[in-house]
Every structure is written in C-alpha cells, then in structure tokens.
C-alpha cells in the first residue's frame, strides 16, 4: 500500500487538485488536508476522487448501483463528504488495507475533534467515503459563508 516514490511524482501532485472543492464545507476540507498529510507520513499515496457532486452525477451513480442516495440525498451534494482513494490502486485495496485507512481516519477525527462517519462501517460497504456526521443539519446553510 505504501509507495513513497509515487509520492514524489508529478502525477501524485496533480491528483491532489482533481476533486471539485467549490462549495465544500471547511471542516471536510480541513479533515481531508490533515488525513492526506498523515498518510503521506507513512508513505501511503491517497487523493480525494470526489468531494462536491452535482445532482446529475448523483443520479448517475444511483442508476449504476454505486450509491444508495438519490439527488439531494447525499452529503456530497452539499460538499460535506469526500471519497478518498489510493493513488495507484484506486478502490482496489484489500479489506484489511481499507480497515487500516479507516482506523487512521477515525483516530485523526478523534484527535482533532472532527465528527465524521466512515463508509467502511456501513452495510453498504463504501470504504473510500467519509462524511461530516451532521451534514443533514449543515445542508440548510449551504452554500457556506466564505
């Protein structure tokens, strides 16, 4: 899972700018920044595949069976979630590797006071997914004050 040479590559740097962060909640952005930083320390290259998601994209993912949420029903629609994937293996980590990522993310959240939910704990197993626990209340404030 560790790939220190990849962390030195231009491709890894480009991946860090892939996700659309426009309208994302500041807490999810800060959680992501600190999570990536912690993973880099142990040599694991990860990036946010998706943060803010349009209703159209949400509908497509629902139709494909990649989501249980319809348009307007996902934390992604309100910039309150991230899908964090491995830089070279994408979603192709083993369950044990995902469990390690989940442990690190939950430990970080506890240490820094982030209230997040990990999709690896769900029946609909989605180990790349992290969302703010209170996104349903926060969505009433969307888009966030700058």
N, C-alpha and C. Protein backbone atom coordinates (compact mmCIF):
# COMPACT_ATOMS: atom_id res chain seq x y z
N UNK A 1 0.83 -1.19 0.00
CA UNK A 1 0.00 0.00 0.00
C UNK A 1 0.88 1.26 0.00
N UNK A 2 2.01 1.20 0.72
CA UNK A 2 2.93 2.33 0.71
C UNK A 2 3.62 2.41 -0.64
N UNK A 3 3.85 3.63 -1.09
CA UNK A 3 4.52 3.85 -2.37
C UNK A 3 5.20 5.23 -2.31
N UNK A 4 6.29 5.29 -1.57
CA UNK A 4 6.99 6.56 -1.38
C UNK A 4 7.47 7.18 -2.70
N UNK A 5 7.97 6.39 -3.66
CA UNK A 5 8.37 7.01 -4.93
C UNK A 5 7.20 7.73 -5.62
N UNK A 6 6.00 7.15 -5.56
CA UNK A 6 4.86 7.80 -6.20
C UNK A 6 4.54 9.14 -5.54
N UNK A 7 4.76 9.23 -4.22
CA UNK A 7 4.52 10.49 -3.52
C UNK A 7 5.43 11.61 -4.02
N UNK A 8 6.53 11.25 -4.65
CA UNK A 8 7.46 12.24 -5.21
C UNK A 8 7.14 12.60 -6.66
N UNK A 9 6.12 11.97 -7.21
CA UNK A 9 5.84 12.15 -8.64
C UNK A 9 4.92 13.33 -8.92
N UNK A 10 5.01 13.80 -10.14
CA UNK A 10 4.14 14.87 -10.61
C UNK A 10 2.68 14.40 -10.63
N UNK A 11 2.48 13.14 -10.97
CA UNK A 11 1.11 12.60 -11.04
C UNK A 11 0.42 12.69 -9.68
N UNK A 12 1.14 12.37 -8.60
CA UNK A 12 0.54 12.47 -7.27
C UNK A 12 0.14 13.92 -6.98
N UNK A 13 1.02 14.85 -7.32
CA UNK A 13 0.68 16.26 -7.10
C UNK A 13 -0.55 16.67 -7.90
N UNK A 14 -0.65 16.20 -9.13
CA UNK A 14 -1.81 16.51 -9.96
C UNK A 14 -3.09 15.92 -9.37
N UNK A 15 -2.99 14.72 -8.79
CA UNK A 15 -4.17 14.10 -8.19
C UNK A 15 -4.72 14.95 -7.04
N UNK A 16 -3.85 15.65 -6.35
CA UNK A 16 -4.29 16.45 -5.21
C UNK A 16 -5.22 17.59 -5.63
N UNK A 17 -5.23 17.92 -6.90
CA UNK A 17 -6.07 19.00 -7.41
C UNK A 17 -7.25 18.48 -8.21
N UNK A 18 -7.48 17.19 -8.20
CA UNK A 18 -8.51 16.57 -9.04
C UNK A 18 -9.93 16.91 -8.60
N UNK A 19 -10.22 16.81 -7.32
CA UNK A 19 -11.59 16.96 -6.82
C UNK A 19 -12.08 18.40 -6.96
N UNK A 20 -13.38 18.54 -7.17
CA UNK A 20 -14.03 19.85 -7.16
C UNK A 20 -14.35 20.19 -5.71
N UNK A 21 -13.70 21.22 -5.21
CA UNK A 21 -13.90 21.66 -3.82
C UNK A 21 -14.82 22.88 -3.74
N UNK A 22 -15.29 23.37 -4.87
CA UNK A 22 -16.15 24.56 -4.90
C UNK A 22 -17.41 24.30 -4.08
N UNK A 23 -17.60 25.09 -3.04
CA UNK A 23 -18.77 24.91 -2.19
C UNK A 23 -18.62 23.86 -1.12
N UNK A 24 -17.40 23.34 -0.92
CA UNK A 24 -17.20 22.31 0.11
C UNK A 24 -17.18 22.96 1.49
N UNK A 25 -17.62 22.20 2.47
CA UNK A 25 -17.62 22.69 3.85
C UNK A 25 -16.17 22.78 4.34
N UNK A 26 -15.82 23.85 5.05
CA UNK A 26 -14.44 24.00 5.52
C UNK A 26 -13.96 22.84 6.40
N UNK A 27 -14.84 22.24 7.18
CA UNK A 27 -14.42 21.13 8.05
C UNK A 27 -14.04 19.90 7.25
N UNK A 28 -14.77 19.60 6.18
CA UNK A 28 -14.43 18.42 5.38
C UNK A 28 -13.12 18.67 4.64
N UNK A 29 -12.90 19.90 4.23
CA UNK A 29 -11.65 20.25 3.55
C UNK A 29 -10.46 20.12 4.50
N UNK A 30 -10.61 20.60 5.74
CA UNK A 30 -9.53 20.51 6.71
C UNK A 30 -9.27 19.06 7.13
N UNK A 31 -10.33 18.28 7.31
CA UNK A 31 -10.17 16.86 7.62
C UNK A 31 -9.37 16.18 6.51
N UNK A 32 -9.74 16.44 5.27
CA UNK A 32 -9.05 15.84 4.12
C UNK A 32 -7.57 16.24 4.10
N UNK A 33 -7.29 17.51 4.31
CA UNK A 33 -5.91 18.00 4.27
C UNK A 33 -5.06 17.29 5.33
N UNK A 34 -5.57 17.19 6.54
CA UNK A 34 -4.82 16.55 7.62
C UNK A 34 -4.71 15.04 7.42
N UNK A 35 -5.74 14.43 6.86
CA UNK A 35 -5.74 12.99 6.58
C UNK A 35 -4.67 12.65 5.55
N UNK A 36 -4.65 13.40 4.45
CA UNK A 36 -3.63 13.18 3.41
C UNK A 36 -2.24 13.35 4.01
N UNK A 37 -2.05 14.39 4.81
CA UNK A 37 -0.75 14.67 5.43
C UNK A 37 -0.32 13.50 6.31
N UNK A 38 -1.24 12.95 7.08
CA UNK A 38 -0.92 11.82 7.96
C UNK A 38 -0.55 10.59 7.14
N UNK A 39 -1.29 10.34 6.06
CA UNK A 39 -1.00 9.18 5.21
C UNK A 39 0.35 9.33 4.52
N UNK A 40 0.69 10.54 4.11
CA UNK A 40 2.00 10.79 3.50
C UNK A 40 3.13 10.41 4.46
N UNK A 41 2.94 10.70 5.74
CA UNK A 41 3.98 10.38 6.73
C UNK A 41 4.31 8.89 6.78
N UNK A 42 3.33 8.05 6.46
CA UNK A 42 3.59 6.60 6.46
C UNK A 42 3.79 6.06 5.04
N UNK A 43 3.87 6.99 4.07
CA UNK A 43 4.20 6.61 2.70
C UNK A 43 3.05 6.16 1.84
N UNK A 44 1.80 6.41 2.27
CA UNK A 44 0.63 5.95 1.53
C UNK A 44 0.07 7.10 0.68
N UNK A 45 0.12 6.94 -0.65
CA UNK A 45 -0.40 7.99 -1.53
C UNK A 45 -1.91 7.84 -1.75
N UNK A 46 -2.64 8.83 -1.30
CA UNK A 46 -4.10 8.84 -1.46
C UNK A 46 -4.50 10.21 -2.00
N UNK A 47 -5.69 10.28 -2.59
CA UNK A 47 -6.20 11.56 -3.06
C UNK A 47 -7.72 11.53 -3.01
N UNK A 48 -8.30 12.71 -2.99
CA UNK A 48 -9.76 12.82 -2.99
C UNK A 48 -10.25 12.73 -4.43
N UNK A 49 -10.94 11.65 -4.70
CA UNK A 49 -11.51 11.42 -6.02
C UNK A 49 -12.70 12.36 -6.26
N UNK A 50 -13.50 12.55 -5.21
CA UNK A 50 -14.69 13.39 -5.35
C UNK A 50 -15.04 14.02 -4.01
N UNK A 51 -15.47 15.28 -4.09
CA UNK A 51 -16.00 15.96 -2.91
C UNK A 51 -17.40 16.45 -3.25
N UNK A 52 -17.49 17.61 -3.86
CA UNK A 52 -18.80 18.16 -4.23
C UNK A 52 -19.30 17.43 -5.48
N UNK A 53 -20.55 17.03 -5.44
CA UNK A 53 -21.15 16.24 -6.52
C UNK A 53 -22.48 16.88 -6.93
N UNK A 54 -22.68 17.00 -8.23
CA UNK A 54 -23.94 17.56 -8.74
C UNK A 54 -25.08 16.56 -8.57
N UNK A 55 -26.30 17.04 -8.64
CA UNK A 55 -27.46 16.15 -8.59
C UNK A 55 -27.47 15.19 -9.78
N UNK A 56 -27.01 15.67 -10.93
CA UNK A 56 -26.96 14.82 -12.12
C UNK A 56 -25.98 13.66 -11.91
N UNK A 57 -24.82 13.96 -11.37
CA UNK A 57 -23.82 12.92 -11.10
C UNK A 57 -24.36 11.94 -10.05
N UNK A 58 -25.05 12.47 -9.05
CA UNK A 58 -25.64 11.61 -8.02
C UNK A 58 -26.66 10.67 -8.62
N UNK A 59 -27.49 11.17 -9.52
CA UNK A 59 -28.49 10.34 -10.19
C UNK A 59 -27.81 9.23 -11.01
N UNK A 60 -26.73 9.58 -11.68
CA UNK A 60 -25.99 8.58 -12.47
C UNK A 60 -25.42 7.48 -11.57
N UNK A 61 -24.83 7.87 -10.44
CA UNK A 61 -24.26 6.88 -9.52
C UNK A 61 -25.33 5.98 -8.92
N UNK A 62 -26.49 6.56 -8.64
CA UNK A 62 -27.61 5.77 -8.13
C UNK A 62 -28.06 4.75 -9.18
N UNK A 63 -28.19 5.20 -10.42
CA UNK A 63 -28.63 4.31 -11.51
C UNK A 63 -27.63 3.18 -11.75
N UNK A 64 -26.35 3.46 -11.55
CA UNK A 64 -25.31 2.44 -11.74
C UNK A 64 -25.18 1.49 -10.54
N UNK A 65 -25.87 1.81 -9.45
CA UNK A 65 -25.77 0.99 -8.24
C UNK A 65 -24.55 1.30 -7.39
N UNK A 66 -23.88 2.43 -7.68
CA UNK A 66 -22.69 2.82 -6.93
C UNK A 66 -23.02 3.69 -5.72
N UNK A 67 -24.29 4.03 -5.55
CA UNK A 67 -24.74 4.83 -4.42
C UNK A 67 -26.14 4.38 -4.03
N UNK A 68 -26.46 4.56 -2.78
CA UNK A 68 -27.83 4.29 -2.29
C UNK A 68 -28.61 5.59 -2.20
N UNK A 69 -27.95 6.73 -2.40
CA UNK A 69 -28.57 8.04 -2.25
C UNK A 69 -28.94 8.63 -3.61
N UNK A 70 -30.11 9.22 -3.66
CA UNK A 70 -30.53 9.93 -4.86
C UNK A 70 -30.06 11.38 -4.83
N UNK A 71 -30.38 12.13 -5.88
CA UNK A 71 -30.01 13.54 -5.93
C UNK A 71 -30.56 14.30 -4.71
N UNK A 72 -29.70 15.10 -4.10
CA UNK A 72 -30.08 15.88 -2.93
C UNK A 72 -30.12 15.09 -1.64
N UNK A 73 -29.76 13.79 -1.70
CA UNK A 73 -29.79 12.93 -0.52
C UNK A 73 -28.40 12.49 -0.07
N UNK A 74 -27.38 13.00 -0.71
CA UNK A 74 -26.00 12.62 -0.39
C UNK A 74 -25.26 13.80 0.22
N UNK A 75 -24.39 13.50 1.16
CA UNK A 75 -23.54 14.54 1.74
C UNK A 75 -22.66 15.18 0.68
N UNK A 76 -22.36 14.46 -0.40
CA UNK A 76 -21.57 15.02 -1.50
C UNK A 76 -22.29 16.19 -2.17
N UNK A 77 -23.61 16.13 -2.24
CA UNK A 77 -24.37 17.20 -2.89
C UNK A 77 -24.23 18.53 -2.16
N UNK A 78 -23.76 18.48 -0.93
CA UNK A 78 -23.64 19.68 -0.11
C UNK A 78 -22.19 19.93 0.33
N UNK A 79 -21.25 19.28 -0.34
CA UNK A 79 -19.84 19.49 -0.03
C UNK A 79 -19.43 19.03 1.34
N UNK A 80 -20.11 18.02 1.87
CA UNK A 80 -19.85 17.53 3.23
C UNK A 80 -19.27 16.13 3.24
N UNK A 81 -18.74 15.66 2.11
CA UNK A 81 -18.19 14.31 2.04
C UNK A 81 -17.01 14.28 1.07
N UNK A 82 -16.17 13.28 1.28
CA UNK A 82 -15.08 13.01 0.33
C UNK A 82 -15.04 11.51 0.05
N UNK A 83 -14.57 11.18 -1.13
CA UNK A 83 -14.21 9.82 -1.47
C UNK A 83 -12.69 9.82 -1.65
N UNK A 84 -12.01 9.20 -0.70
CA UNK A 84 -10.56 9.19 -0.66
C UNK A 84 -10.07 7.83 -1.15
N UNK A 85 -9.32 7.83 -2.24
CA UNK A 85 -8.87 6.56 -2.84
C UNK A 85 -7.34 6.53 -2.95
N UNK A 86 -6.82 5.33 -3.12
CA UNK A 86 -5.38 5.14 -3.27
C UNK A 86 -4.93 5.65 -4.63
N UNK A 87 -3.77 6.26 -4.68
CA UNK A 87 -3.29 6.89 -5.90
C UNK A 87 -2.97 5.94 -7.04
N UNK A 88 -2.58 4.71 -6.73
CA UNK A 88 -2.25 3.76 -7.79
C UNK A 88 -3.19 2.56 -7.82
N UNK A 89 -3.86 2.27 -6.72
CA UNK A 89 -4.76 1.12 -6.65
C UNK A 89 -6.24 1.51 -6.66
N UNK A 90 -6.50 2.83 -6.60
CA UNK A 90 -7.87 3.37 -6.56
C UNK A 90 -8.66 2.69 -5.44
N UNK A 91 -9.77 2.03 -5.78
CA UNK A 91 -10.60 1.34 -4.78
C UNK A 91 -10.09 -0.09 -4.53
N UNK A 92 -9.00 -0.49 -5.19
CA UNK A 92 -8.53 -1.86 -5.17
C UNK A 92 -7.70 -2.26 -3.97
N UNK A 93 -7.95 -1.69 -2.83
CA UNK A 93 -7.26 -2.12 -1.61
C UNK A 93 -7.99 -3.32 -1.01
N UNK A 94 -7.26 -4.13 -0.26
CA UNK A 94 -7.90 -5.25 0.43
C UNK A 94 -8.74 -4.72 1.60
N UNK A 95 -9.60 -5.57 2.12
CA UNK A 95 -10.42 -5.16 3.26
C UNK A 95 -9.52 -4.79 4.45
N UNK A 96 -8.44 -5.52 4.62
CA UNK A 96 -7.50 -5.22 5.71
C UNK A 96 -6.83 -3.86 5.51
N UNK A 97 -6.46 -3.55 4.27
CA UNK A 97 -5.85 -2.25 3.98
C UNK A 97 -6.85 -1.12 4.20
N UNK A 98 -8.08 -1.30 3.75
CA UNK A 98 -9.12 -0.30 3.99
C UNK A 98 -9.35 -0.11 5.48
N UNK A 99 -9.31 -1.21 6.23
CA UNK A 99 -9.50 -1.12 7.68
C UNK A 99 -8.41 -0.26 8.32
N UNK A 100 -7.18 -0.38 7.83
CA UNK A 100 -6.10 0.45 8.33
C UNK A 100 -6.36 1.92 8.01
N UNK A 101 -6.78 2.21 6.79
CA UNK A 101 -7.12 3.59 6.40
C UNK A 101 -8.25 4.11 7.29
N UNK A 102 -9.26 3.27 7.51
CA UNK A 102 -10.38 3.66 8.37
C UNK A 102 -9.93 3.96 9.78
N UNK A 103 -9.04 3.13 10.31
CA UNK A 103 -8.53 3.33 11.66
C UNK A 103 -7.78 4.67 11.75
N UNK A 104 -6.94 4.94 10.77
CA UNK A 104 -6.17 6.18 10.77
C UNK A 104 -7.10 7.39 10.69
N UNK A 105 -8.10 7.33 9.81
CA UNK A 105 -9.04 8.44 9.69
C UNK A 105 -9.85 8.67 10.94
N UNK A 106 -10.31 7.60 11.57
CA UNK A 106 -11.10 7.75 12.80
C UNK A 106 -10.22 8.25 13.95
N UNK A 107 -8.99 7.79 14.00
CA UNK A 107 -8.05 8.27 15.03
C UNK A 107 -7.80 9.77 14.85
N UNK A 108 -7.58 10.19 13.62
CA UNK A 108 -7.38 11.61 13.33
C UNK A 108 -8.60 12.42 13.74
N UNK A 109 -9.78 11.93 13.39
CA UNK A 109 -11.02 12.63 13.72
C UNK A 109 -11.16 12.80 15.23
N UNK A 110 -10.86 11.75 15.98
CA UNK A 110 -10.94 11.82 17.44
C UNK A 110 -9.93 12.82 17.99
N UNK A 111 -8.72 12.76 17.50
CA UNK A 111 -7.66 13.65 18.00
C UNK A 111 -7.96 15.11 17.70
N UNK A 112 -8.55 15.38 16.55
CA UNK A 112 -8.77 16.76 16.11
C UNK A 112 -10.20 17.26 16.30
N UNK A 113 -11.07 16.40 16.80
CA UNK A 113 -12.44 16.82 17.10
C UNK A 113 -13.37 16.90 15.90
N UNK A 114 -13.05 16.18 14.84
CA UNK A 114 -13.94 16.12 13.67
C UNK A 114 -14.99 15.05 13.92
N UNK A 115 -16.23 15.38 13.68
CA UNK A 115 -17.30 14.39 13.78
C UNK A 115 -17.59 13.90 12.37
N UNK A 116 -16.99 12.76 12.04
CA UNK A 116 -17.13 12.18 10.71
C UNK A 116 -17.64 10.75 10.80
N UNK A 117 -18.21 10.31 9.71
CA UNK A 117 -18.70 8.94 9.57
C UNK A 117 -17.91 8.31 8.43
N UNK A 118 -17.47 7.07 8.64
CA UNK A 118 -16.72 6.34 7.62
C UNK A 118 -17.62 5.31 6.96
N UNK A 119 -17.65 5.33 5.63
CA UNK A 119 -18.47 4.40 4.86
C UNK A 119 -18.04 2.95 4.98
N UNK A 120 -16.86 2.68 5.49
CA UNK A 120 -16.40 1.31 5.73
C UNK A 120 -17.13 0.63 6.88
N UNK A 121 -17.84 1.42 7.68
CA UNK A 121 -18.62 0.87 8.78
C UNK A 121 -20.07 0.58 8.39
N UNK A 122 -20.44 0.89 7.18
CA UNK A 122 -21.83 0.72 6.73
C UNK A 122 -22.08 -0.69 6.19
N UNK A 123 -23.35 -1.09 6.16
CA UNK A 123 -23.74 -2.33 5.48
C UNK A 123 -23.46 -2.20 3.98
N UNK A 124 -23.76 -1.03 3.41
CA UNK A 124 -23.39 -0.73 2.02
C UNK A 124 -21.94 -0.27 2.07
N UNK A 125 -21.02 -1.23 2.05
CA UNK A 125 -19.60 -1.01 2.27
C UNK A 125 -19.05 -0.01 1.26
N UNK A 126 -18.60 1.13 1.76
CA UNK A 126 -18.06 2.20 0.92
C UNK A 126 -16.83 2.78 1.63
N UNK A 127 -15.72 2.04 1.65
CA UNK A 127 -14.57 2.42 2.48
C UNK A 127 -13.83 3.68 2.03
N UNK A 128 -14.07 4.16 0.84
CA UNK A 128 -13.44 5.40 0.38
C UNK A 128 -14.18 6.63 0.91
N UNK A 129 -15.40 6.44 1.40
CA UNK A 129 -16.29 7.54 1.74
C UNK A 129 -16.14 8.00 3.20
N UNK A 130 -16.04 9.32 3.36
CA UNK A 130 -16.02 9.99 4.67
C UNK A 130 -16.99 11.16 4.58
N UNK A 131 -17.83 11.34 5.59
CA UNK A 131 -18.76 12.46 5.57
C UNK A 131 -18.88 13.07 6.97
N UNK A 132 -19.23 14.36 6.99
CA UNK A 132 -19.49 15.02 8.26
C UNK A 132 -20.74 14.41 8.86
N UNK A 133 -20.67 14.05 10.15
CA UNK A 133 -21.79 13.35 10.80
C UNK A 133 -23.07 14.19 10.80
N UNK A 134 -22.94 15.49 10.87
CA UNK A 134 -24.12 16.35 10.96
C UNK A 134 -24.45 17.05 9.64
N UNK A 135 -24.12 16.44 8.52
CA UNK A 135 -24.32 17.09 7.23
C UNK A 135 -25.78 17.43 6.95
N UNK A 136 -26.70 16.65 7.47
CA UNK A 136 -28.13 16.92 7.21
C UNK A 136 -28.57 18.25 7.84
N UNK A 137 -28.03 18.58 9.01
CA UNK A 137 -28.32 19.87 9.60
C UNK A 137 -27.57 20.98 8.87
N UNK A 138 -26.32 20.69 8.50
CA UNK A 138 -25.49 21.69 7.83
C UNK A 138 -26.00 22.07 6.45
N UNK A 139 -26.66 21.13 5.77
CA UNK A 139 -27.09 21.41 4.39
C UNK A 139 -28.05 22.59 4.31
N UNK A 140 -28.71 22.90 5.42
CA UNK A 140 -29.62 24.05 5.43
C UNK A 140 -28.85 25.36 5.27
N UNK A 141 -27.57 25.37 5.59
CA UNK A 141 -26.73 26.55 5.48
C UNK A 141 -25.99 26.64 4.14
N UNK A 142 -26.15 25.65 3.30
CA UNK A 142 -25.40 25.55 2.04
C UNK A 142 -25.89 26.60 1.06
N UNK A 143 -25.04 27.29 0.30
CA UNK A 143 -23.57 27.23 0.32
C UNK A 143 -23.01 27.97 1.53
N UNK A 144 -21.85 27.54 1.94
CA UNK A 144 -21.23 28.02 3.16
C UNK A 144 -20.80 29.45 3.04
N UNK A 145 -20.86 30.18 4.15
CA UNK A 145 -20.29 31.55 4.14
C UNK A 145 -18.80 31.46 3.85
N UNK A 146 -18.32 32.37 3.07
CA UNK A 146 -16.89 32.39 2.70
C UNK A 146 -16.07 32.98 3.82
